[in-house]
Amino acid sequence: MGTLLAILTGAGGLSILIAALFFLSFWVRTRDGFFLLFAAAFAVYGADQFFLGWAANSEDEPLFYLPRLVTFGLIVLAVINKNRSAS
């Protein structure tokens, strides 16, 4: 069961990294910092998920919460910057 969980977590991390590539392609087209920050957030979160699958069942370690904090901080920063530039 542990191997299946590791494989599924790694696959989830890979799909999140693919989403980061989509946001990066939107940034290349528009040069909007919103998409760049989202691409960075998804890249950090995807790498976190990938390494979480590689470490196998060590999600309770505090070290794995730091990339999540960075991810959500980048998303909040992107939304604040987008709303600040709109007004």
PDB file of N, CA and C in Angstrom:
ATOM      1  N   MET A   1       0.820  -1.200   0.000  1.00  0.00           N
ATOM      2  CA  MET A   1       0.000   0.000   0.000  1.00  0.00           C
ATOM      3  C   MET A   1       0.862   1.262   0.000  1.00  0.00           C
ATOM      4  N   GLY A   2       2.025   1.208   0.675  1.00  0.00           N
ATOM      5  CA  GLY A   2       2.901   2.369   0.741  1.00  0.00           C
ATOM      6  C   GLY A   2       3.472   2.757  -0.611  1.00  0.00           C
ATOM      7  N   THR A   3       3.761   1.746  -1.453  1.00  0.00           N
ATOM      8  CA  THR A   3       4.312   2.026  -2.778  1.00  0.00           C
ATOM      9  C   THR A   3       3.277   2.703  -3.663  1.00  0.00           C
ATOM     10  N   LEU A   4       2.027   2.254  -3.584  1.00  0.00           N
ATOM     11  CA  LEU A   4       0.961   2.863  -4.376  1.00  0.00           C
ATOM     12  C   LEU A   4       0.749   4.311  -3.968  1.00  0.00           C
ATOM     13  N   LEU A   5       0.779   4.583  -2.674  1.00  0.00           N
ATOM     14  CA  LEU A   5       0.627   5.951  -2.196  1.00  0.00           C
ATOM     15  C   LEU A   5       1.773   6.832  -2.687  1.00  0.00           C
ATOM     16  N   ALA A   6       2.979   6.308  -2.678  1.00  0.00           N
ATOM     17  CA  ALA A   6       4.136   7.066  -3.162  1.00  0.00           C
ATOM     18  C   ALA A   6       4.009   7.359  -4.653  1.00  0.00           C
ATOM     19  N   ILE A   7       3.539   6.383  -5.418  1.00  0.00           N
ATOM     20  CA  ILE A   7       3.367   6.580  -6.862  1.00  0.00           C
ATOM     21  C   ILE A   7       2.296   7.619  -7.137  1.00  0.00           C
ATOM     22  N   LEU A   8       1.181   7.535  -6.439  1.00  0.00           N
ATOM     23  CA  LEU A   8       0.093   8.499  -6.654  1.00  0.00           C
ATOM     24  C   LEU A   8       0.490   9.905  -6.211  1.00  0.00           C
ATOM     25  N   THR A   9       1.242  10.013  -5.133  1.00  0.00           N
ATOM     26  CA  THR A   9       1.710  11.327  -4.695  1.00  0.00           C
ATOM     27  C   THR A   9       2.686  11.921  -5.705  1.00  0.00           C
ATOM     28  N   GLY A  10       3.571  11.096  -6.233  1.00  0.00           N
ATOM     29  CA  GLY A  10       4.498  11.571  -7.268  1.00  0.00           C
ATOM     30  C   GLY A  10       3.777  11.982  -8.539  1.00  0.00           C
ATOM     31  N   ALA A  11       2.743  11.219  -8.918  1.00  0.00           N
ATOM     32  CA  ALA A  11       1.955  11.571 -10.105  1.00  0.00           C
ATOM     33  C   ALA A  11       1.201  12.875  -9.884  1.00  0.00           C
ATOM     34  N   GLY A  12       0.702  13.075  -8.683  1.00  0.00           N
ATOM     35  CA  GLY A  12       0.046  14.345  -8.369  1.00  0.00           C
ATOM     36  C   GLY A  12       1.016  15.502  -8.441  1.00  0.00           C
ATOM     37  N   GLY A  13       2.226  15.283  -7.944  1.00  0.00           N
ATOM     38  CA  GLY A  13       3.254  16.321  -8.026  1.00  0.00           C
ATOM     39  C   GLY A  13       3.609  16.654  -9.462  1.00  0.00           C
ATOM     40  N   LEU A  14       3.669  15.626 -10.313  1.00  0.00           N
ATOM     41  CA  LEU A  14       3.965  15.858 -11.729  1.00  0.00           C
ATOM     42  C   LEU A  14       2.851  16.656 -12.399  1.00  0.00           C
ATOM     43  N   SER A  15       1.608  16.363 -12.066  1.00  0.00           N
ATOM     44  CA  SER A  15       0.497  17.111 -12.668  1.00  0.00           C
ATOM     45  C   SER A  15       0.501  18.563 -12.193  1.00  0.00           C
ATOM     46  N   ILE A  16       0.904  18.794 -10.955  1.00  0.00           N
ATOM     47  CA  ILE A  16       1.008  20.166 -10.464  1.00  0.00           C
ATOM     48  C   ILE A  16       2.139  20.904 -11.178  1.00  0.00           C
ATOM     49  N   LEU A  17       3.239  20.216 -11.456  1.00  0.00           N
ATOM     50  CA  LEU A  17       4.331  20.835 -12.211  1.00  0.00           C
ATOM     51  C   LEU A  17       3.902  21.158 -13.643  1.00  0.00           C
ATOM     52  N   ILE A  18       3.048  20.345 -14.222  1.00  0.00           N
ATOM     53  CA  ILE A  18       2.514  20.642 -15.557  1.00  0.00           C
ATOM     54  C   ILE A  18       1.648  21.895 -15.512  1.00  0.00           C
ATOM     55  N   ALA A  19       0.860  22.049 -14.444  1.00  0.00           N
ATOM     56  CA  ALA A  19       0.074  23.278 -14.282  1.00  0.00           C
ATOM     57  C   ALA A  19       0.997  24.490 -14.177  1.00  0.00           C
ATOM     58  N   ALA A  20       2.141  24.331 -13.516  1.00  0.00           N
ATOM     59  CA  ALA A  20       3.112  25.428 -13.428  1.00  0.00           C
ATOM     60  C   ALA A  20       3.623  25.810 -14.812  1.00  0.00           C
ATOM     61  N   LEU A  21       3.828  24.819 -15.678  1.00  0.00           N
ATOM     62  CA  LEU A  21       4.264  25.106 -17.051  1.00  0.00           C
ATOM     63  C   LEU A  21       3.190  25.862 -17.838  1.00  0.00           C
ATOM     64  N   PHE A  22       1.915  25.540 -17.597  1.00  0.00           N
ATOM     65  CA  PHE A  22       0.844  26.289 -18.253  1.00  0.00           C
ATOM     66  C   PHE A  22       0.861  27.743 -17.814  1.00  0.00           C
ATOM     67  N   PHE A  23       1.002  27.989 -16.511  1.00  0.00           N
ATOM     68  CA  PHE A  23       1.056  29.368 -16.037  1.00  0.00           C
ATOM     69  C   PHE A  23       2.280  30.084 -16.582  1.00  0.00           C
ATOM     70  N   LEU A  24       3.384  29.362 -16.721  1.00  0.00           N
ATOM     71  CA  LEU A  24       4.587  29.961 -17.288  1.00  0.00           C
ATOM     72  C   LEU A  24       4.368  30.335 -18.758  1.00  0.00           C
ATOM     73  N   SER A  25       3.644  29.504 -19.491  1.00  0.00           N
ATOM     74  CA  SER A  25       3.364  29.849 -20.892  1.00  0.00           C
ATOM     75  C   SER A  25       2.437  31.062 -20.986  1.00  0.00           C
ATOM     76  N   PHE A  26       1.495  31.203 -20.037  1.00  0.00           N
ATOM     77  CA  PHE A  26       0.641  32.398 -20.016  1.00  0.00           C
ATOM     78  C   PHE A  26       1.479  33.635 -19.715  1.00  0.00           C
ATOM     79  N   TRP A  27       2.468  33.482 -18.834  1.00  0.00           N
ATOM     80  CA  TRP A  27       3.330  34.615 -18.517  1.00  0.00           C
ATOM     81  C   TRP A  27       4.171  35.022 -19.719  1.00  0.00           C
ATOM     82  N   VAL A  28       4.649  34.053 -20.486  1.00  0.00           N
ATOM     83  CA  VAL A  28       5.452  34.362 -21.672  1.00  0.00           C
ATOM     84  C   VAL A  28       4.628  35.159 -22.668  1.00  0.00           C
ATOM     85  N   ARG A  29       3.344  34.799 -22.797  1.00  0.00           N
ATOM     86  CA  ARG A  29       2.479  35.521 -23.735  1.00  0.00           C
ATOM     87  C   ARG A  29       2.107  36.914 -23.259  1.00  0.00           C
ATOM     88  N   THR A  30       1.808  37.069 -21.951  1.00  0.00           N
ATOM     89  CA  THR A  30       1.258  38.333 -21.463  1.00  0.00           C
ATOM     90  C   THR A  30       2.248  39.194 -20.685  1.00  0.00           C
ATOM     91  N   ARG A  31       3.305  38.585 -20.159  1.00  0.00           N
ATOM     92  CA  ARG A  31       4.274  39.261 -19.295  1.00  0.00           C
ATOM     93  C   ARG A  31       3.600  39.854 -18.047  1.00  0.00           C
ATOM     94  N   ASP A  32       2.505  39.232 -17.595  1.00  0.00           N
ATOM     95  CA  ASP A  32       1.807  39.649 -16.385  1.00  0.00           C
ATOM     96  C   ASP A  32       2.421  38.909 -15.195  1.00  0.00           C
ATOM     97  N   GLY A  33       2.852  39.661 -14.200  1.00  0.00           N
ATOM     98  CA  GLY A  33       3.503  39.080 -13.036  1.00  0.00           C
ATOM     99  C   GLY A  33       2.621  38.115 -12.260  1.00  0.00           C
ATOM    100  N   PHE A  34       1.313  38.263 -12.403  1.00  0.00           N
ATOM    101  CA  PHE A  34       0.362  37.357 -11.753  1.00  0.00           C
ATOM    102  C   PHE A  34       0.633  35.916 -12.171  1.00  0.00           C
ATOM    103  N   PHE A  35       0.801  35.699 -13.464  1.00  0.00           N
ATOM    104  CA  PHE A  35       1.042  34.345 -13.965  1.00  0.00           C
ATOM    105  C   PHE A  35       2.414  33.823 -13.552  1.00  0.00           C
ATOM    106  N   LEU A  36       3.394  34.697 -13.471  1.00  0.00           N
ATOM    107  CA  LEU A  36       4.727  34.276 -13.043  1.00  0.00           C
ATOM    108  C   LEU A  36       4.712  33.829 -11.578  1.00  0.00           C
ATOM    109  N   LEU A  37       4.007  34.576 -10.727  1.00  0.00           N
ATOM    110  CA  LEU A  37       3.924  34.185  -9.326  1.00  0.00           C
ATOM    111  C   LEU A  37       3.142  32.882  -9.165  1.00  0.00           C
ATOM    112  N   PHE A  38       2.098  32.697  -9.954  1.00  0.00           N
ATOM    113  CA  PHE A  38       1.351  31.441  -9.891  1.00  0.00           C
ATOM    114  C   PHE A  38       2.203  30.278 -10.397  1.00  0.00           C
ATOM    115  N   ALA A  39       2.990  30.507 -11.431  1.00  0.00           N
ATOM    116  CA  ALA A  39       3.876  29.452 -11.924  1.00  0.00           C
ATOM    117  C   ALA A  39       4.899  29.073 -10.855  1.00  0.00           C
ATOM    118  N   ALA A  40       5.441  30.065 -10.177  1.00  0.00           N
ATOM    119  CA  ALA A  40       6.403  29.784  -9.106  1.00  0.00           C
ATOM    120  C   ALA A  40       5.740  29.034  -7.953  1.00  0.00           C
ATOM    121  N   ALA A  41       4.513  29.445  -7.598  1.00  0.00           N
ATOM    122  CA  ALA A  41       3.796  28.778  -6.510  1.00  0.00           C
ATOM    123  C   ALA A  41       3.521  27.317  -6.850  1.00  0.00           C
ATOM    124  N   PHE A  42       3.059  27.073  -8.058  1.00  0.00           N
ATOM    125  CA  PHE A  42       2.757  25.697  -8.450  1.00  0.00           C
ATOM    126  C   PHE A  42       4.036  24.868  -8.598  1.00  0.00           C
ATOM    127  N   ALA A  43       5.129  25.485  -8.998  1.00  0.00           N
ATOM    128  CA  ALA A  43       6.396  24.757  -9.094  1.00  0.00           C
ATOM    129  C   ALA A  43       6.884  24.337  -7.707  1.00  0.00           C
ATOM    130  N   VAL A  44       6.773  25.227  -6.742  1.00  0.00           N
ATOM    131  CA  VAL A  44       7.181  24.896  -5.368  1.00  0.00           C
ATOM    132  C   VAL A  44       6.285  23.792  -4.811  1.00  0.00           C
ATOM    133  N   TYR A  45       4.972  23.915  -5.016  1.00  0.00           N
ATOM    134  CA  TYR A  45       4.042  22.924  -4.482  1.00  0.00           C
ATOM    135  C   TYR A  45       4.196  21.579  -5.189  1.00  0.00           C
ATOM    136  N   GLY A  46       4.439  21.594  -6.487  1.00  0.00           N
ATOM    137  CA  GLY A  46       4.651  20.349  -7.221  1.00  0.00           C
ATOM    138  C   GLY A  46       5.914  19.639  -6.778  1.00  0.00           C
ATOM    139  N   ALA A  47       6.981  20.398  -6.567  1.00  0.00           N
ATOM    140  CA  ALA A  47       8.224  19.796  -6.070  1.00  0.00           C
ATOM    141  C   ALA A  47       8.023  19.227  -4.674  1.00  0.00           C
ATOM    142  N   ASP A  48       7.253  19.933  -3.849  1.00  0.00           N
ATOM    143  CA  ASP A  48       6.951  19.439  -2.502  1.00  0.00           C
ATOM    144  C   ASP A  48       6.201  18.113  -2.566  1.00  0.00           C
ATOM    145  N   GLN A  49       5.210  18.021  -3.439  1.00  0.00           N
ATOM    146  CA  GLN A  49       4.445  16.782  -3.569  1.00  0.00           C
ATOM    147  C   GLN A  49       5.315  15.654  -4.118  1.00  0.00           C
ATOM    148  N   PHE A  50       6.162  15.977  -5.068  1.00  0.00           N
ATOM    149  CA  PHE A  50       7.048  14.960  -5.635  1.00  0.00           C
ATOM    150  C   PHE A  50       7.984  14.394  -4.571  1.00  0.00           C
ATOM    151  N   PHE A  51       8.605  15.269  -3.799  1.00  0.00           N
ATOM    152  CA  PHE A  51       9.519  14.801  -2.762  1.00  0.00           C
ATOM    153  C   PHE A  51       8.785  14.133  -1.611  1.00  0.00           C
ATOM    154  N   LEU A  52       7.541  14.537  -1.380  1.00  0.00           N
ATOM    155  CA  LEU A  52       6.736  13.865  -0.369  1.00  0.00           C
ATOM    156  C   LEU A  52       6.474  12.418  -0.773  1.00  0.00           C
ATOM    157  N   GLY A  53       6.208  12.193  -2.057  1.00  0.00           N
ATOM    158  CA  GLY A  53       6.040  10.824  -2.535  1.00  0.00           C
ATOM    159  C   GLY A  53       7.325  10.039  -2.488  1.00  0.00           C
ATOM    160  N   TRP A  54       8.422  10.710  -2.702  1.00  0.00           N
ATOM    161  CA  TRP A  54       9.723  10.055  -2.676  1.00  0.00           C
ATOM    162  C   TRP A  54      10.115   9.683  -1.245  1.00  0.00           C
ATOM    163  N   ALA A  55       9.763  10.533  -0.285  1.00  0.00           N
ATOM    164  CA  ALA A  55      10.106  10.278   1.114  1.00  0.00           C
ATOM    165  C   ALA A  55       9.187   9.235   1.739  1.00  0.00           C
ATOM    166  N   ALA A  56       8.049   8.957   1.147  1.00  0.00           N
ATOM    167  CA  ALA A  56       7.111   7.902   1.561  1.00  0.00           C
ATOM    168  C   ALA A  56       6.662   8.020   3.016  1.00  0.00           C
ATOM    169  N   ASN A  57       5.519   8.606   3.162  1.00  0.00           N
ATOM    170  CA  ASN A  57       4.813   8.664   4.448  1.00  0.00           C
ATOM    171  C   ASN A  57       5.517   9.501   5.518  1.00  0.00           C
ATOM    172  N   SER A  58       6.171  10.537   5.147  1.00  0.00           N
ATOM    173  CA  SER A  58       6.769  11.416   6.150  1.00  0.00           C
ATOM    174  C   SER A  58       6.107  12.790   6.094  1.00  0.00           C
ATOM    175  N   GLU A  59       4.800  12.812   5.807  1.00  0.00           N
ATOM    176  CA  GLU A  59       4.080  14.068   5.681  1.00  0.00           C
ATOM    177  C   GLU A  59       3.990  14.799   7.019  1.00  0.00           C
ATOM    178  N   ASP A  60       4.157  14.097   8.114  1.00  0.00           N
ATOM    179  CA  ASP A  60       4.073  14.728   9.422  1.00  0.00           C
ATOM    180  C   ASP A  60       5.316  15.533   9.775  1.00  0.00           C
ATOM    181  N   GLU A  61       6.348  15.416   8.979  1.00  0.00           N
ATOM    182  CA  GLU A  61       7.568  16.182   9.229  1.00  0.00           C
ATOM    183  C   GLU A  61       7.297  17.670   8.996  1.00  0.00           C
ATOM    184  N   PRO A  62       7.743  18.530   9.897  1.00  0.00           N
ATOM    185  CA  PRO A  62       7.492  19.970   9.735  1.00  0.00           C
ATOM    186  C   PRO A  62       8.156  20.564   8.494  1.00  0.00           C
ATOM    187  N   LEU A  63       9.200  19.923   8.003  1.00  0.00           N
ATOM    188  CA  LEU A  63       9.913  20.437   6.843  1.00  0.00           C
ATOM    189  C   LEU A  63       9.027  20.477   5.604  1.00  0.00           C
ATOM    190  N   PHE A  64       8.049  19.570   5.512  1.00  0.00           N
ATOM    191  CA  PHE A  64       7.175  19.539   4.340  1.00  0.00           C
ATOM    192  C   PHE A  64       6.097  20.619   4.377  1.00  0.00           C
ATOM    193  N   TYR A  65       5.939  21.292   5.509  1.00  0.00           N
ATOM    194  CA  TYR A  65       4.960  22.370   5.585  1.00  0.00           C
ATOM    195  C   TYR A  65       5.535  23.704   5.129  1.00  0.00           C
ATOM    196  N   LEU A  66       6.833  23.852   5.131  1.00  0.00           N
ATOM    197  CA  LEU A  66       7.465  25.100   4.698  1.00  0.00           C
ATOM    198  C   LEU A  66       7.200  25.405   3.221  1.00  0.00           C
ATOM    199  N   PRO A  67       7.355  24.443   2.290  1.00  0.00           N
ATOM    200  CA  PRO A  67       7.020  24.758   0.896  1.00  0.00           C
ATOM    201  C   PRO A  67       5.544  25.097   0.695  1.00  0.00           C
ATOM    202  N   ARG A  68       4.680  24.503   1.483  1.00  0.00           N
ATOM    203  CA  ARG A  68       3.257  24.843   1.385  1.00  0.00           C
ATOM    204  C   ARG A  68       3.009  26.266   1.839  1.00  0.00           C
ATOM    205  N   LEU A  69       3.703  26.684   2.881  1.00  0.00           N
ATOM    206  CA  LEU A  69       3.598  28.064   3.344  1.00  0.00           C
ATOM    207  C   LEU A  69       4.086  29.029   2.270  1.00  0.00           C
ATOM    208  N   VAL A  70       5.194  28.692   1.637  1.00  0.00           N
ATOM    209  CA  VAL A  70       5.726  29.518   0.552  1.00  0.00           C
ATOM    210  C   VAL A  70       4.737  29.554  -0.615  1.00  0.00           C
ATOM    211  N   THR A  71       4.141  28.410  -0.943  1.00  0.00           N
ATOM    212  CA  THR A  71       3.181  28.331  -2.042  1.00  0.00           C
ATOM    213  C   THR A  71       2.003  29.262  -1.811  1.00  0.00           C
ATOM    214  N   PHE A  72       1.375  29.144  -0.648  1.00  0.00           N
ATOM    215  CA  PHE A  72       0.202  29.967  -0.382  1.00  0.00           C
ATOM    216  C   PHE A  72       0.565  31.431  -0.199  1.00  0.00           C
ATOM    217  N   GLY A  73       1.768  31.700   0.290  1.00  0.00           N
ATOM    218  CA  GLY A  73       2.231  33.082   0.363  1.00  0.00           C
ATOM    219  C   GLY A  73       2.400  33.697  -1.016  1.00  0.00           C
ATOM    220  N   LEU A  74       2.924  32.922  -1.966  1.00  0.00           N
ATOM    221  CA  LEU A  74       3.067  33.420  -3.340  1.00  0.00           C
ATOM    222  C   LEU A  74       1.708  33.672  -3.988  1.00  0.00           C
ATOM    223  N   ILE A  75       0.742  32.812  -3.723  1.00  0.00           N
ATOM    224  CA  ILE A  75      -0.602  32.998  -4.280  1.00  0.00           C
ATOM    225  C   ILE A  75      -1.241  34.255  -3.705  1.00  0.00           C
ATOM    226  N   VAL A  76      -1.127  34.454  -2.405  1.00  0.00           N
ATOM    227  CA  VAL A  76      -1.678  35.662  -1.776  1.00  0.00           C
ATOM    228  C   VAL A  76      -0.982  36.902  -2.319  1.00  0.00           C
ATOM    229  N   LEU A  77       0.331  36.843  -2.489  1.00  0.00           N
ATOM    230  CA  LEU A  77       1.076  37.975  -3.041  1.00  0.00           C
ATOM    231  C   LEU A  77       0.631  38.288  -4.473  1.00  0.00           C
ATOM    232  N   ALA A  78       0.388  37.252  -5.269  1.00  0.00           N
ATOM    233  CA  ALA A  78      -0.067  37.454  -6.647  1.00  0.00           C
ATOM    234  C   ALA A  78      -1.426  38.140  -6.674  1.00  0.00           C
ATOM    235  N   VAL A  79      -2.338  37.711  -5.823  1.00  0.00           N
ATOM    236  CA  VAL A  79      -3.681  38.300  -5.793  1.00  0.00           C
ATOM    237  C   VAL A  79      -3.621  39.734  -5.300  1.00  0.00           C
ATOM    238  N   ILE A  80      -2.820  39.992  -4.265  1.00  0.00           N
ATOM    239  CA  ILE A  80      -2.694  41.371  -3.759  1.00  0.00           C
ATOM    240  C   ILE A  80      -2.098  42.278  -4.817  1.00  0.00           C
ATOM    241  N   ASN A  81      -1.036  41.832  -5.497  1.00  0.00           N
ATOM    242  CA  ASN A  81      -0.424  42.661  -6.544  1.00  0.00           C
ATOM    243  C   ASN A  81      -1.376  42.906  -7.702  1.00  0.00           C
ATOM    244  N   LYS A  82      -2.168  41.906  -8.072  1.00  0.00           N
ATOM    245  CA  LYS A  82      -3.113  42.071  -9.179  1.00  0.00           C
ATOM    246  C   LYS A  82      -4.202  43.070  -8.796  1.00  0.00           C
ATOM    247  N   ASN A  83      -4.709  42.995  -7.564  1.00  0.00           N
ATOM    248  CA  ASN A  83      -5.746  43.924  -7.135  1.00  0.00           C
ATOM    249  C   ASN A  83      -5.201  45.330  -6.934  1.00  0.00           C
ATOM    250  N   ARG A  84      -3.962  45.448  -6.517  1.00  0.00           N
ATOM    251  CA  ARG A  84      -3.350  46.760  -6.338  1.00  0.00           C
ATOM    252  C   ARG A  84      -3.150  47.457  -7.687  1.00  0.00           C
ATOM    253  N   SER A  85      -2.749  46.699  -8.712  1.00  0.00           N
ATOM    254  CA  SER A  85      -2.530  47.308 -10.020  1.00  0.00           C
ATOM    255  C   SER A  85      -3.841  47.607 -10.737  1.00  0.00           C
ATOM    256  N   ALA A  86      -4.920  46.931 -10.346  1.00  0.00           N
ATOM    257  CA  ALA A  86      -6.217  47.171 -10.998  1.00  0.00           C
ATOM    258  C   ALA A  86      -6.854  48.456 -10.513  1.00  0.00           C
ATOM    259  N   SER A  87      -6.525  48.895  -9.305  1.00  0.00           N
ATOM    260  CA  SER A  87      -7.167  50.106  -8.774  1.00  0.00           C
ATOM    261  C   SER A  87      -6.300  51.316  -8.861  1.00  0.00           C
TER     262      SER A  87
END
